[in-house]
Amino acid sequence: MKKIICILLALSMVFAFAACGGNSETETTTEATTEAPAAELTGTLEEIAANIYANATTIEMMLMDPQPIDLADIDAATSFIGVSSTDSIERAVFSEPMIGSIPYSMCLVKAKEGADVEALKNEILEGVNYRKWICVAAEKVLVTNCGSTIMMIMAAENIVDDVYNAFNIVANGAASAPLTKAGEVQEELPLGDEIPAEDGMDMPAAMPGEDEGIILG
């Protein structure tokens, strides 16, 4: 009787070990991979503009404080950022020189949530007029973004590249690859060259009553 009991106990232990062994297999779990959210710039567009200028090195002109673009005025929106519709834009500001004959314009655009930022960037690049100053023109136009914040800069080429680098610093290196188009290189008249008079008009050698030694250029 004791032998039978011992045999039954031994068998029960064998089955117990077998059951434990079957449950010891390591279960592999696959963690759900989620895309990291796109980088976004913090602060108002005016604050972002101030941070860009704090990191730029070639801006020597006197600039106005960034001003909001009236998105309800399509003509104004087209003039500053080249768009024909502002439906995908939440807010926009421009920064330009106090002297209107200097070809420089930087605009910041906040796209609405869900807007196609890439399409908006291309529309701005193609639509903006680098000759809007009429008598002068920007040498280069550049459009980039960080998240939903788009920057457009058009000016002399060295200034455009510098402002893009400054924007990338503000964006902690997350600025998109720039979209660019060429403008026009401005040729400066050499010193001493006379400005030609308009047809049918001769420029006087000196103003009446002035010393004849003072020549008007």
N, C-alpha and C. Protein backbone atom coordinates (compact mmCIF):
# COMPACT_ATOMS: atom_id res chain seq x y z
N MET A 1 0.84 -1.22 0.00
CA MET A 1 0.00 0.00 0.00
C MET A 1 0.86 1.25 0.00
N LYS A 2 1.93 1.19 0.84
CA LYS A 2 2.82 2.34 0.90
C LYS A 2 3.52 2.56 -0.44
N LYS A 3 3.85 1.45 -1.12
CA LYS A 3 4.52 1.57 -2.41
C LYS A 3 3.61 2.26 -3.43
N ILE A 4 2.34 1.85 -3.37
CA ILE A 4 1.38 2.46 -4.32
C ILE A 4 1.27 3.97 -4.08
N ILE A 5 1.21 4.34 -2.80
CA ILE A 5 1.12 5.77 -2.46
C ILE A 5 2.35 6.51 -2.94
N CYS A 6 3.54 5.90 -2.74
CA CYS A 6 4.79 6.55 -3.17
C CYS A 6 4.82 6.73 -4.69
N ILE A 7 4.32 5.68 -5.41
CA ILE A 7 4.29 5.78 -6.88
C ILE A 7 3.36 6.89 -7.35
N LEU A 8 2.21 6.97 -6.68
CA LEU A 8 1.24 8.03 -7.05
C LEU A 8 1.80 9.42 -6.78
N LEU A 9 2.49 9.58 -5.65
CA LEU A 9 3.11 10.88 -5.34
C LEU A 9 4.18 11.25 -6.36
N ALA A 10 4.98 10.25 -6.76
CA ALA A 10 6.03 10.50 -7.74
C ALA A 10 5.44 10.93 -9.08
N LEU A 11 4.37 10.23 -9.50
CA LEU A 11 3.73 10.59 -10.76
C LEU A 11 3.12 12.00 -10.73
N SER A 12 2.52 12.33 -9.56
CA SER A 12 1.92 13.66 -9.45
C SER A 12 2.98 14.75 -9.54
N MET A 13 4.16 14.51 -9.00
CA MET A 13 5.26 15.49 -9.06
C MET A 13 5.74 15.64 -10.50
N VAL A 14 5.82 14.50 -11.22
CA VAL A 14 6.26 14.57 -12.63
C VAL A 14 5.30 15.41 -13.45
N PHE A 15 3.98 15.17 -13.28
CA PHE A 15 2.99 15.96 -14.02
C PHE A 15 3.04 17.44 -13.65
N ALA A 16 3.31 17.71 -12.36
CA ALA A 16 3.38 19.10 -11.92
C ALA A 16 4.54 19.83 -12.58
N PHE A 17 5.72 19.16 -12.63
CA PHE A 17 6.88 19.78 -13.28
C PHE A 17 6.64 20.00 -14.77
N ALA A 18 5.96 19.04 -15.39
CA ALA A 18 5.66 19.15 -16.83
C ALA A 18 4.77 20.35 -17.10
N ALA A 19 3.76 20.54 -16.22
CA ALA A 19 2.85 21.68 -16.39
C ALA A 19 3.58 22.99 -16.22
N CYS A 20 4.45 23.07 -15.22
CA CYS A 20 5.23 24.30 -14.99
C CYS A 20 6.12 24.60 -16.17
N GLY A 21 6.75 23.54 -16.72
CA GLY A 21 7.62 23.74 -17.87
C GLY A 21 6.88 24.29 -19.07
N GLY A 22 5.63 23.87 -19.25
CA GLY A 22 4.85 24.35 -20.39
C GLY A 22 4.51 25.81 -20.27
N ASN A 23 4.40 26.33 -19.05
CA ASN A 23 4.04 27.74 -18.86
C ASN A 23 5.25 28.66 -18.79
N SER A 24 6.46 28.08 -18.81
CA SER A 24 7.65 28.90 -18.63
C SER A 24 8.15 29.53 -19.91
N GLU A 25 7.48 29.24 -21.05
CA GLU A 25 7.91 29.83 -22.30
C GLU A 25 7.74 31.34 -22.26
N THR A 26 8.72 32.02 -22.75
CA THR A 26 8.69 33.49 -22.74
C THR A 26 7.77 33.99 -23.84
N GLU A 27 6.84 34.80 -23.43
CA GLU A 27 5.93 35.38 -24.41
C GLU A 27 6.54 36.66 -24.96
N THR A 28 6.57 36.80 -26.26
CA THR A 28 7.12 37.99 -26.89
C THR A 28 5.99 38.97 -27.14
N THR A 29 6.21 40.18 -26.71
CA THR A 29 5.21 41.23 -26.91
C THR A 29 5.80 42.30 -27.81
N THR A 30 5.00 42.79 -28.71
CA THR A 30 5.42 43.84 -29.63
C THR A 30 4.85 45.16 -29.15
N GLU A 31 5.77 46.08 -28.81
CA GLU A 31 5.33 47.39 -28.35
C GLU A 31 4.88 48.21 -29.55
N ALA A 32 3.79 48.89 -29.38
CA ALA A 32 3.28 49.73 -30.46
C ALA A 32 4.22 50.90 -30.68
N THR A 33 4.62 51.08 -31.91
CA THR A 33 5.51 52.19 -32.25
C THR A 33 4.68 53.40 -32.63
N THR A 34 5.01 54.50 -32.03
CA THR A 34 4.29 55.74 -32.32
C THR A 34 5.28 56.78 -32.83
N GLU A 35 4.86 57.55 -33.83
CA GLU A 35 5.73 58.58 -34.37
C GLU A 35 5.84 59.73 -33.39
N ALA A 36 7.08 60.26 -33.28
CA ALA A 36 7.29 61.41 -32.41
C ALA A 36 6.56 62.62 -32.99
N PRO A 37 5.93 63.41 -32.15
CA PRO A 37 5.24 64.58 -32.68
C PRO A 37 6.21 65.56 -33.33
N ALA A 38 5.76 66.22 -34.39
CA ALA A 38 6.62 67.17 -35.09
C ALA A 38 7.00 68.31 -34.16
N ALA A 39 8.23 68.80 -34.31
CA ALA A 39 8.71 69.90 -33.48
C ALA A 39 7.86 71.14 -33.73
N GLU A 40 7.60 71.88 -32.70
CA GLU A 40 6.83 73.12 -32.80
C GLU A 40 7.57 74.24 -32.09
N LEU A 41 7.52 75.43 -32.66
CA LEU A 41 8.10 76.59 -32.01
C LEU A 41 7.13 77.15 -30.98
N THR A 42 7.65 77.56 -29.86
CA THR A 42 6.80 78.13 -28.82
C THR A 42 6.86 79.66 -28.87
N GLY A 43 5.85 80.29 -28.33
CA GLY A 43 5.80 81.75 -28.29
C GLY A 43 5.00 82.31 -29.45
N THR A 44 4.74 83.61 -29.38
CA THR A 44 4.02 84.29 -30.46
C THR A 44 4.93 84.46 -31.66
N LEU A 45 4.35 84.79 -32.79
CA LEU A 45 5.16 85.04 -33.99
C LEU A 45 6.10 86.22 -33.77
N GLU A 46 5.65 87.21 -33.02
CA GLU A 46 6.52 88.36 -32.72
C GLU A 46 7.72 87.93 -31.88
N GLU A 47 7.50 87.04 -30.92
CA GLU A 47 8.60 86.56 -30.08
C GLU A 47 9.56 85.69 -30.89
N ILE A 48 9.02 84.89 -31.79
CA ILE A 48 9.88 84.07 -32.64
C ILE A 48 10.74 84.96 -33.53
N ALA A 49 10.15 86.02 -34.08
CA ALA A 49 10.91 86.96 -34.91
C ALA A 49 12.04 87.60 -34.12
N ALA A 50 11.76 88.00 -32.88
CA ALA A 50 12.79 88.60 -32.04
C ALA A 50 13.93 87.62 -31.78
N ASN A 51 13.61 86.36 -31.57
CA ASN A 51 14.64 85.34 -31.34
C ASN A 51 15.47 85.09 -32.60
N ILE A 52 14.82 85.15 -33.76
CA ILE A 52 15.56 84.99 -35.02
C ILE A 52 16.57 86.12 -35.16
N TYR A 53 16.13 87.35 -34.95
CA TYR A 53 17.04 88.49 -35.10
C TYR A 53 18.15 88.48 -34.06
N ALA A 54 17.88 87.92 -32.90
CA ALA A 54 18.92 87.83 -31.86
C ALA A 54 20.04 86.89 -32.28
N ASN A 55 19.74 85.95 -33.20
CA ASN A 55 20.74 84.99 -33.65
C ASN A 55 21.29 85.30 -35.04
N ALA A 56 20.76 86.34 -35.69
CA ALA A 56 21.26 86.75 -37.01
C ALA A 56 22.48 87.65 -36.84
N THR A 57 23.35 87.65 -37.84
CA THR A 57 24.59 88.44 -37.74
C THR A 57 24.75 89.47 -38.85
N THR A 58 23.88 89.45 -39.87
CA THR A 58 24.08 90.34 -41.02
C THR A 58 23.04 91.45 -41.11
N ILE A 59 22.14 91.54 -40.14
CA ILE A 59 21.09 92.55 -40.19
C ILE A 59 21.62 93.87 -39.63
N GLU A 60 21.85 94.83 -40.51
CA GLU A 60 22.36 96.13 -40.09
C GLU A 60 21.36 97.25 -40.33
N MET A 61 20.28 96.97 -41.03
CA MET A 61 19.29 97.99 -41.35
C MET A 61 18.33 98.18 -40.17
N MET A 62 17.67 99.33 -40.14
CA MET A 62 16.67 99.60 -39.12
C MET A 62 15.35 98.95 -39.55
N LEU A 63 14.86 98.05 -38.70
CA LEU A 63 13.64 97.33 -39.02
C LEU A 63 12.49 97.77 -38.14
N MET A 64 11.30 97.77 -38.72
CA MET A 64 10.10 98.01 -37.92
C MET A 64 9.83 96.78 -37.05
N ASP A 65 9.12 96.98 -35.96
CA ASP A 65 8.67 95.84 -35.17
C ASP A 65 7.75 95.00 -36.05
N PRO A 66 7.76 93.68 -35.87
CA PRO A 66 6.88 92.83 -36.67
C PRO A 66 5.42 93.29 -36.57
N GLN A 67 4.78 93.38 -37.72
CA GLN A 67 3.39 93.84 -37.79
C GLN A 67 2.49 92.72 -38.30
N PRO A 68 1.27 92.61 -37.76
CA PRO A 68 0.37 91.56 -38.25
C PRO A 68 -0.10 91.84 -39.68
N ILE A 69 -0.27 90.78 -40.43
CA ILE A 69 -0.83 90.87 -41.78
C ILE A 69 -2.33 90.66 -41.69
N ASP A 70 -3.09 91.55 -42.27
CA ASP A 70 -4.54 91.45 -42.25
C ASP A 70 -4.97 90.33 -43.20
N LEU A 71 -5.31 89.18 -42.65
CA LEU A 71 -5.64 88.02 -43.49
C LEU A 71 -6.97 88.19 -44.20
N ALA A 72 -7.79 89.13 -43.74
CA ALA A 72 -9.06 89.41 -44.43
C ALA A 72 -8.84 90.24 -45.70
N ASP A 73 -7.66 90.86 -45.80
CA ASP A 73 -7.30 91.67 -46.97
C ASP A 73 -6.43 90.81 -47.88
N ILE A 74 -7.03 90.22 -48.89
CA ILE A 74 -6.31 89.31 -49.77
C ILE A 74 -5.18 90.02 -50.51
N ASP A 75 -5.40 91.30 -50.88
CA ASP A 75 -4.34 92.04 -51.56
C ASP A 75 -3.11 92.17 -50.67
N ALA A 76 -3.32 92.44 -49.37
CA ALA A 76 -2.21 92.55 -48.45
C ALA A 76 -1.51 91.20 -48.27
N ALA A 77 -2.31 90.15 -48.13
CA ALA A 77 -1.74 88.81 -47.97
C ALA A 77 -0.93 88.42 -49.20
N THR A 78 -1.42 88.75 -50.39
CA THR A 78 -0.69 88.45 -51.61
C THR A 78 0.60 89.24 -51.69
N SER A 79 0.55 90.51 -51.28
CA SER A 79 1.73 91.37 -51.34
C SER A 79 2.84 90.86 -50.43
N PHE A 80 2.48 90.42 -49.23
CA PHE A 80 3.50 90.02 -48.26
C PHE A 80 3.93 88.56 -48.41
N ILE A 81 2.97 87.65 -48.61
CA ILE A 81 3.33 86.23 -48.61
C ILE A 81 2.88 85.49 -49.87
N GLY A 82 2.35 86.19 -50.84
CA GLY A 82 2.11 85.59 -52.15
C GLY A 82 0.96 84.61 -52.26
N VAL A 83 0.08 84.56 -51.26
CA VAL A 83 -1.02 83.59 -51.32
C VAL A 83 -2.28 84.24 -51.88
N SER A 84 -3.11 83.43 -52.52
CA SER A 84 -4.38 83.92 -53.06
C SER A 84 -5.54 83.60 -52.13
N SER A 85 -5.28 82.79 -51.10
CA SER A 85 -6.30 82.46 -50.11
C SER A 85 -5.63 82.30 -48.76
N THR A 86 -6.30 82.75 -47.71
CA THR A 86 -5.75 82.65 -46.36
C THR A 86 -6.52 81.63 -45.51
N ASP A 87 -7.27 80.76 -46.16
CA ASP A 87 -8.11 79.80 -45.43
C ASP A 87 -7.30 78.87 -44.54
N SER A 88 -6.06 78.55 -44.93
CA SER A 88 -5.25 77.62 -44.16
C SER A 88 -4.29 78.32 -43.19
N ILE A 89 -4.44 79.64 -43.06
CA ILE A 89 -3.51 80.41 -42.23
C ILE A 89 -4.22 80.92 -40.98
N GLU A 90 -3.61 80.68 -39.83
CA GLU A 90 -4.18 81.15 -38.57
C GLU A 90 -3.76 82.59 -38.26
N ARG A 91 -2.48 82.90 -38.53
CA ARG A 91 -1.96 84.23 -38.24
C ARG A 91 -0.68 84.43 -39.04
N ALA A 92 -0.33 85.69 -39.34
CA ALA A 92 0.90 85.98 -40.06
C ALA A 92 1.38 87.38 -39.69
N VAL A 93 2.71 87.57 -39.67
CA VAL A 93 3.30 88.87 -39.41
C VAL A 93 4.39 89.13 -40.44
N PHE A 94 4.72 90.40 -40.64
CA PHE A 94 5.82 90.76 -41.54
C PHE A 94 6.80 91.66 -40.80
N SER A 95 8.05 91.63 -41.26
CA SER A 95 9.11 92.49 -40.72
C SER A 95 9.87 93.08 -41.90
N GLU A 96 9.84 94.41 -42.02
CA GLU A 96 10.49 95.08 -43.14
C GLU A 96 11.21 96.33 -42.66
N PRO A 97 12.12 96.88 -43.49
CA PRO A 97 12.89 98.06 -43.08
C PRO A 97 12.01 99.30 -42.98
N MET A 98 12.49 100.25 -42.19
CA MET A 98 11.80 101.54 -42.09
C MET A 98 11.92 102.32 -43.40
N ILE A 99 13.01 102.06 -44.15
CA ILE A 99 13.20 102.69 -45.45
C ILE A 99 12.68 101.74 -46.52
N GLY A 100 11.71 102.18 -47.28
CA GLY A 100 11.01 101.29 -48.19
C GLY A 100 11.80 100.85 -49.42
N SER A 101 12.95 101.49 -49.70
CA SER A 101 13.70 101.16 -50.91
C SER A 101 14.72 100.06 -50.68
N ILE A 102 14.73 99.44 -49.50
CA ILE A 102 15.66 98.35 -49.22
C ILE A 102 14.93 97.03 -49.46
N PRO A 103 15.45 96.19 -50.35
CA PRO A 103 14.75 94.92 -50.65
C PRO A 103 14.96 93.89 -49.55
N TYR A 104 14.10 93.93 -48.57
CA TYR A 104 14.16 92.98 -47.45
C TYR A 104 12.76 92.76 -46.91
N SER A 105 12.39 91.50 -46.74
CA SER A 105 11.12 91.18 -46.11
C SER A 105 11.20 89.80 -45.48
N MET A 106 10.83 89.72 -44.21
CA MET A 106 10.71 88.43 -43.53
C MET A 106 9.29 88.31 -43.01
N CYS A 107 8.65 87.20 -43.30
CA CYS A 107 7.29 86.96 -42.83
C CYS A 107 7.24 85.62 -42.10
N LEU A 108 6.47 85.59 -41.03
CA LEU A 108 6.22 84.35 -40.29
C LEU A 108 4.74 84.03 -40.41
N VAL A 109 4.44 82.79 -40.72
CA VAL A 109 3.06 82.35 -40.94
C VAL A 109 2.77 81.16 -40.04
N LYS A 110 1.67 81.24 -39.32
CA LYS A 110 1.21 80.12 -38.49
C LYS A 110 0.08 79.43 -39.25
N ALA A 111 0.33 78.18 -39.66
CA ALA A 111 -0.69 77.42 -40.38
C ALA A 111 -1.73 76.88 -39.41
N LYS A 112 -2.95 76.78 -39.88
CA LYS A 112 -4.02 76.22 -39.06
C LYS A 112 -3.78 74.73 -38.83
N GLU A 113 -4.35 74.22 -37.75
CA GLU A 113 -4.23 72.80 -37.45
C GLU A 113 -4.82 71.97 -38.59
N GLY A 114 -4.07 70.99 -39.05
CA GLY A 114 -4.53 70.14 -40.14
C GLY A 114 -4.24 70.68 -41.53
N ALA A 115 -3.67 71.89 -41.62
CA ALA A 115 -3.38 72.47 -42.93
C ALA A 115 -2.21 71.74 -43.58
N ASP A 116 -2.18 71.75 -44.90
CA ASP A 116 -1.08 71.16 -45.66
C ASP A 116 0.07 72.16 -45.69
N VAL A 117 1.00 72.00 -44.77
CA VAL A 117 2.09 72.97 -44.63
C VAL A 117 2.98 72.98 -45.87
N GLU A 118 3.27 71.81 -46.44
CA GLU A 118 4.14 71.75 -47.61
C GLU A 118 3.51 72.48 -48.79
N ALA A 119 2.22 72.28 -48.98
CA ALA A 119 1.54 72.97 -50.08
C ALA A 119 1.55 74.48 -49.85
N LEU A 120 1.35 74.90 -48.61
CA LEU A 120 1.36 76.32 -48.29
C LEU A 120 2.73 76.92 -48.52
N LYS A 121 3.78 76.21 -48.14
CA LYS A 121 5.15 76.69 -48.37
C LYS A 121 5.41 76.90 -49.87
N ASN A 122 5.00 75.95 -50.69
CA ASN A 122 5.22 76.07 -52.13
C ASN A 122 4.42 77.21 -52.73
N GLU A 123 3.21 77.42 -52.22
CA GLU A 123 2.41 78.54 -52.72
C GLU A 123 3.06 79.87 -52.39
N ILE A 124 3.61 79.97 -51.17
CA ILE A 124 4.30 81.20 -50.78
C ILE A 124 5.52 81.43 -51.65
N LEU A 125 6.32 80.39 -51.85
CA LEU A 125 7.54 80.52 -52.65
C LEU A 125 7.23 80.98 -54.07
N GLU A 126 6.23 80.36 -54.68
CA GLU A 126 5.91 80.68 -56.07
C GLU A 126 5.17 82.00 -56.20
N GLY A 127 4.40 82.36 -55.19
CA GLY A 127 3.55 83.54 -55.32
C GLY A 127 4.17 84.85 -54.90
N VAL A 128 5.16 84.81 -53.99
CA VAL A 128 5.71 86.06 -53.48
C VAL A 128 6.50 86.78 -54.57
N ASN A 129 6.39 88.10 -54.60
CA ASN A 129 7.01 88.92 -55.64
C ASN A 129 8.30 89.55 -55.12
N TYR A 130 9.44 89.07 -55.62
CA TYR A 130 10.72 89.61 -55.14
C TYR A 130 11.04 90.98 -55.74
N ARG A 131 10.16 91.47 -56.62
CA ARG A 131 10.32 92.83 -57.18
C ARG A 131 9.22 93.77 -56.69
N LYS A 132 8.64 93.48 -55.54
CA LYS A 132 7.51 94.30 -55.10
C LYS A 132 7.91 95.73 -54.76
N TRP A 133 9.20 95.98 -54.60
CA TRP A 133 9.67 97.34 -54.31
C TRP A 133 9.81 98.16 -55.58
N ILE A 134 9.57 97.56 -56.73
CA ILE A 134 9.56 98.18 -58.05
C ILE A 134 10.97 98.59 -58.51
N CYS A 135 11.61 99.50 -57.77
CA CYS A 135 12.91 100.00 -58.22
C CYS A 135 14.07 99.11 -57.78
N VAL A 136 13.85 98.23 -56.84
CA VAL A 136 14.88 97.29 -56.40
C VAL A 136 14.26 95.90 -56.30
N ALA A 137 15.13 94.88 -56.19
CA ALA A 137 14.63 93.51 -56.11
C ALA A 137 15.48 92.70 -55.15
N ALA A 138 14.88 91.67 -54.57
CA ALA A 138 15.61 90.76 -53.69
C ALA A 138 16.42 89.79 -54.54
N GLU A 139 17.59 89.38 -54.04
CA GLU A 139 18.45 88.46 -54.77
C GLU A 139 18.01 87.00 -54.60
N LYS A 140 17.33 86.71 -53.50
CA LYS A 140 16.97 85.31 -53.21
C LYS A 140 15.73 85.27 -52.35
N VAL A 141 14.90 84.26 -52.57
CA VAL A 141 13.72 84.01 -51.75
C VAL A 141 13.88 82.63 -51.14
N LEU A 142 13.56 82.51 -49.85
CA LEU A 142 13.69 81.23 -49.14
C LEU A 142 12.47 81.01 -48.26
N VAL A 143 11.96 79.78 -48.27
CA VAL A 143 10.83 79.41 -47.41
C VAL A 143 11.19 78.14 -46.66
N THR A 144 10.95 78.13 -45.36
CA THR A 144 11.22 76.96 -44.52
C THR A 144 10.15 76.89 -43.45
N ASN A 145 10.22 75.86 -42.62
CA ASN A 145 9.25 75.76 -41.53
C ASN A 145 9.79 74.90 -40.40
N CYS A 146 9.18 75.06 -39.26
CA CYS A 146 9.36 74.15 -38.13
C CYS A 146 7.96 73.87 -37.61
N GLY A 147 7.47 72.65 -37.84
CA GLY A 147 6.10 72.35 -37.47
C GLY A 147 5.14 73.19 -38.29
N SER A 148 4.23 73.87 -37.62
CA SER A 148 3.22 74.67 -38.31
C SER A 148 3.64 76.12 -38.51
N THR A 149 4.85 76.47 -38.11
CA THR A 149 5.36 77.83 -38.28
C THR A 149 6.23 77.90 -39.52
N ILE A 150 5.84 78.75 -40.46
CA ILE A 150 6.55 78.92 -41.73
C ILE A 150 7.27 80.27 -41.73
N MET A 151 8.50 80.30 -42.24
CA MET A 151 9.21 81.56 -42.41
C MET A 151 9.51 81.77 -43.89
N MET A 152 9.24 82.99 -44.38
CA MET A 152 9.63 83.41 -45.71
C MET A 152 10.59 84.57 -45.56
N ILE A 153 11.74 84.50 -46.22
CA ILE A 153 12.70 85.59 -46.18
C ILE A 153 13.15 85.88 -47.60
N MET A 154 13.12 87.14 -48.01
CA MET A 154 13.71 87.52 -49.30
C MET A 154 14.52 88.79 -49.10
N ALA A 155 15.75 88.75 -49.62
CA ALA A 155 16.70 89.84 -49.42
C ALA A 155 17.94 89.54 -50.24
N ALA A 156 19.05 90.20 -49.91
CA ALA A 156 20.34 89.83 -50.49
C ALA A 156 20.68 88.40 -50.07
N GLU A 157 21.39 87.67 -50.91
CA GLU A 157 21.61 86.24 -50.68
C GLU A 157 22.29 85.96 -49.35
N ASN A 158 23.30 86.74 -48.98
CA ASN A 158 24.00 86.47 -47.72
C ASN A 158 23.10 86.70 -46.52
N ILE A 159 22.18 87.66 -46.61
CA ILE A 159 21.25 87.91 -45.51
C ILE A 159 20.23 86.77 -45.42
N VAL A 160 19.74 86.32 -46.58
CA VAL A 160 18.77 85.21 -46.59
C VAL A 160 19.36 83.98 -45.92
N ASP A 161 20.59 83.63 -46.28
CA ASP A 161 21.23 82.44 -45.71
C ASP A 161 21.46 82.61 -44.21
N ASP A 162 21.82 83.81 -43.79
CA ASP A 162 22.06 84.07 -42.37
C ASP A 162 20.76 83.96 -41.57
N VAL A 163 19.68 84.51 -42.09
CA VAL A 163 18.40 84.46 -41.37
C VAL A 163 17.87 83.03 -41.31
N TYR A 164 18.10 82.26 -42.37
CA TYR A 164 17.70 80.83 -42.31
C TYR A 164 18.47 80.11 -41.21
N ASN A 165 19.77 80.36 -41.11
CA ASN A 165 20.56 79.73 -40.05
C ASN A 165 20.06 80.15 -38.67
N ALA A 166 19.69 81.42 -38.54
CA ALA A 166 19.16 81.91 -37.26
C ALA A 166 17.83 81.22 -36.92
N PHE A 167 16.98 81.05 -37.93
CA PHE A 167 15.71 80.34 -37.72
C PHE A 167 15.97 78.90 -37.28
N ASN A 168 16.95 78.26 -37.89
CA ASN A 168 17.27 76.88 -37.53
C ASN A 168 17.79 76.78 -36.10
N ILE A 169 18.52 77.80 -35.66
CA ILE A 169 18.99 77.82 -34.26
C ILE A 169 17.79 77.92 -33.32
N VAL A 170 16.86 78.83 -33.65
CA VAL A 170 15.65 78.98 -32.82
C VAL A 170 14.85 77.68 -32.81
N ALA A 171 14.87 76.96 -33.93
CA ALA A 171 14.13 75.70 -34.04
C ALA A 171 14.91 74.50 -33.50
N ASN A 172 16.05 74.77 -32.85
CA ASN A 172 16.89 73.69 -32.30
C ASN A 172 17.27 72.67 -33.36
N GLY A 173 17.58 73.17 -34.56
CA GLY A 173 18.02 72.30 -35.64
C GLY A 173 16.92 71.57 -36.36
N ALA A 174 15.66 71.89 -36.05
CA ALA A 174 14.53 71.15 -36.66
C ALA A 174 13.91 71.88 -37.85
N ALA A 175 14.56 72.93 -38.36
CA ALA A 175 14.03 73.63 -39.53
C ALA A 175 14.08 72.71 -40.74
N SER A 176 13.07 72.79 -41.58
CA SER A 176 13.03 71.95 -42.78
C SER A 176 14.06 72.42 -43.79
N ALA A 177 14.41 71.55 -44.72
CA ALA A 177 15.29 71.94 -45.81
C ALA A 177 14.66 73.11 -46.56
N PRO A 178 15.43 74.15 -46.85
CA PRO A 178 14.82 75.34 -47.45
C PRO A 178 14.37 75.15 -48.89
N LEU A 179 13.25 75.78 -49.22
CA LEU A 179 12.81 75.92 -50.61
C LEU A 179 13.26 77.30 -51.07
N THR A 180 13.90 77.40 -52.22
CA THR A 180 14.45 78.69 -52.65
C THR A 180 14.14 78.96 -54.11
N LYS A 181 14.19 80.23 -54.45
CA LYS A 181 14.18 80.64 -55.86
C LYS A 181 15.05 81.88 -55.98
N ALA A 182 15.65 82.04 -57.14
CA ALA A 182 16.54 83.16 -57.37
C ALA A 182 15.75 84.41 -57.70
N GLY A 183 16.26 85.54 -57.23
CA GLY A 183 15.68 86.82 -57.56
C GLY A 183 16.54 87.53 -58.60
N GLU A 184 16.96 88.74 -58.28
CA GLU A 184 17.82 89.49 -59.19
C GLU A 184 18.96 90.10 -58.41
N VAL A 185 20.16 89.98 -58.95
CA VAL A 185 21.33 90.58 -58.32
C VAL A 185 21.33 92.06 -58.66
N GLN A 186 21.42 92.88 -57.62
CA GLN A 186 21.39 94.33 -57.82
C GLN A 186 22.80 94.84 -58.10
N GLU A 187 22.92 95.56 -59.21
CA GLU A 187 24.22 96.14 -59.57
C GLU A 187 24.28 97.57 -59.05
N GLU A 188 25.33 97.83 -58.28
CA GLU A 188 25.50 99.18 -57.74
C GLU A 188 26.31 100.02 -58.72
N LEU A 189 25.89 101.28 -58.87
CA LEU A 189 26.64 102.18 -59.73
C LEU A 189 27.98 102.50 -59.08
N PRO A 190 29.08 102.41 -59.83
CA PRO A 190 30.38 102.78 -59.25
C PRO A 190 30.36 104.24 -58.82
N LEU A 191 31.12 104.54 -57.79
CA LEU A 191 31.19 105.91 -57.31
C LEU A 191 31.73 106.80 -58.41
N GLY A 192 31.14 107.95 -58.59
CA GLY A 192 31.60 108.89 -59.60
C GLY A 192 30.77 108.86 -60.86
N ASP A 193 30.02 107.74 -61.06
CA ASP A 193 29.16 107.68 -62.24
C ASP A 193 28.01 108.67 -62.09
N GLU A 194 27.71 109.34 -63.15
CA GLU A 194 26.63 110.31 -63.12
C GLU A 194 25.30 109.61 -63.36
N ILE A 195 24.27 110.07 -62.70
CA ILE A 195 22.93 109.57 -62.93
C ILE A 195 22.39 110.27 -64.16
N PRO A 196 22.05 109.55 -65.21
CA PRO A 196 21.60 110.21 -66.44
C PRO A 196 20.31 110.98 -66.21
N ALA A 197 20.25 112.14 -66.85
CA ALA A 197 19.04 112.96 -66.74
C ALA A 197 17.95 112.35 -67.59
N GLU A 198 16.69 112.61 -67.20
CA GLU A 198 15.58 112.12 -67.98
C GLU A 198 15.55 112.82 -69.33
N ASP A 199 14.94 112.15 -70.30
CA ASP A 199 14.89 112.69 -71.66
C ASP A 199 14.31 114.08 -71.65
N GLY A 200 15.04 114.98 -72.34
CA GLY A 200 14.54 116.35 -72.49
C GLY A 200 14.81 117.23 -71.29
N MET A 201 15.51 116.71 -70.28
CA MET A 201 15.78 117.52 -69.09
C MET A 201 17.28 117.52 -68.84
N ASP A 202 17.86 118.69 -68.72
CA ASP A 202 19.28 118.83 -68.41
C ASP A 202 19.42 119.21 -66.95
N MET A 203 20.29 118.54 -66.25
CA MET A 203 20.54 118.86 -64.85
C MET A 203 21.47 120.06 -64.78
N PRO A 204 21.13 121.05 -63.97
CA PRO A 204 21.99 122.23 -63.86
C PRO A 204 23.31 121.86 -63.21
N ALA A 205 24.36 122.55 -63.62
CA ALA A 205 25.68 122.31 -63.03
C ALA A 205 25.71 122.77 -61.59
N ALA A 206 24.94 123.79 -61.23
CA ALA A 206 24.91 124.27 -59.85
C ALA A 206 23.59 124.95 -59.60
N MET A 207 23.13 124.89 -58.39
CA MET A 207 21.90 125.57 -58.03
C MET A 207 22.14 127.07 -58.02
N PRO A 208 21.14 127.82 -58.38
CA PRO A 208 21.30 129.29 -58.37
C PRO A 208 21.72 129.77 -56.99
N GLY A 209 22.74 130.64 -57.01
CA GLY A 209 23.20 131.21 -55.75
C GLY A 209 24.21 130.34 -55.04
N GLU A 210 24.44 129.10 -55.52
CA GLU A 210 25.39 128.22 -54.88
C GLU A 210 26.77 128.45 -55.49
N ASP A 211 27.77 128.10 -54.75
CA ASP A 211 29.12 128.17 -55.26
C ASP A 211 29.24 127.26 -56.46
N GLU A 212 29.79 127.78 -57.56
CA GLU A 212 29.88 127.00 -58.77
C GLU A 212 30.73 125.76 -58.58
N GLY A 213 31.50 125.68 -57.51
CA GLY A 213 32.34 124.51 -57.30
C GLY A 213 31.55 123.31 -56.80
N ILE A 214 30.29 123.48 -56.37
CA ILE A 214 29.46 122.37 -55.89
C ILE A 214 28.66 121.86 -57.06
N ILE A 215 28.99 120.65 -57.50
CA ILE A 215 28.32 120.07 -58.65
C ILE A 215 27.30 119.04 -58.16
N LEU A 216 26.11 119.09 -58.69
CA LEU A 216 25.09 118.08 -58.37
C LEU A 216 25.33 116.87 -59.24
N GLY A 217 25.33 115.68 -58.59
CA GLY A 217 25.51 114.45 -59.36
C GLY A 217 24.21 114.01 -59.97
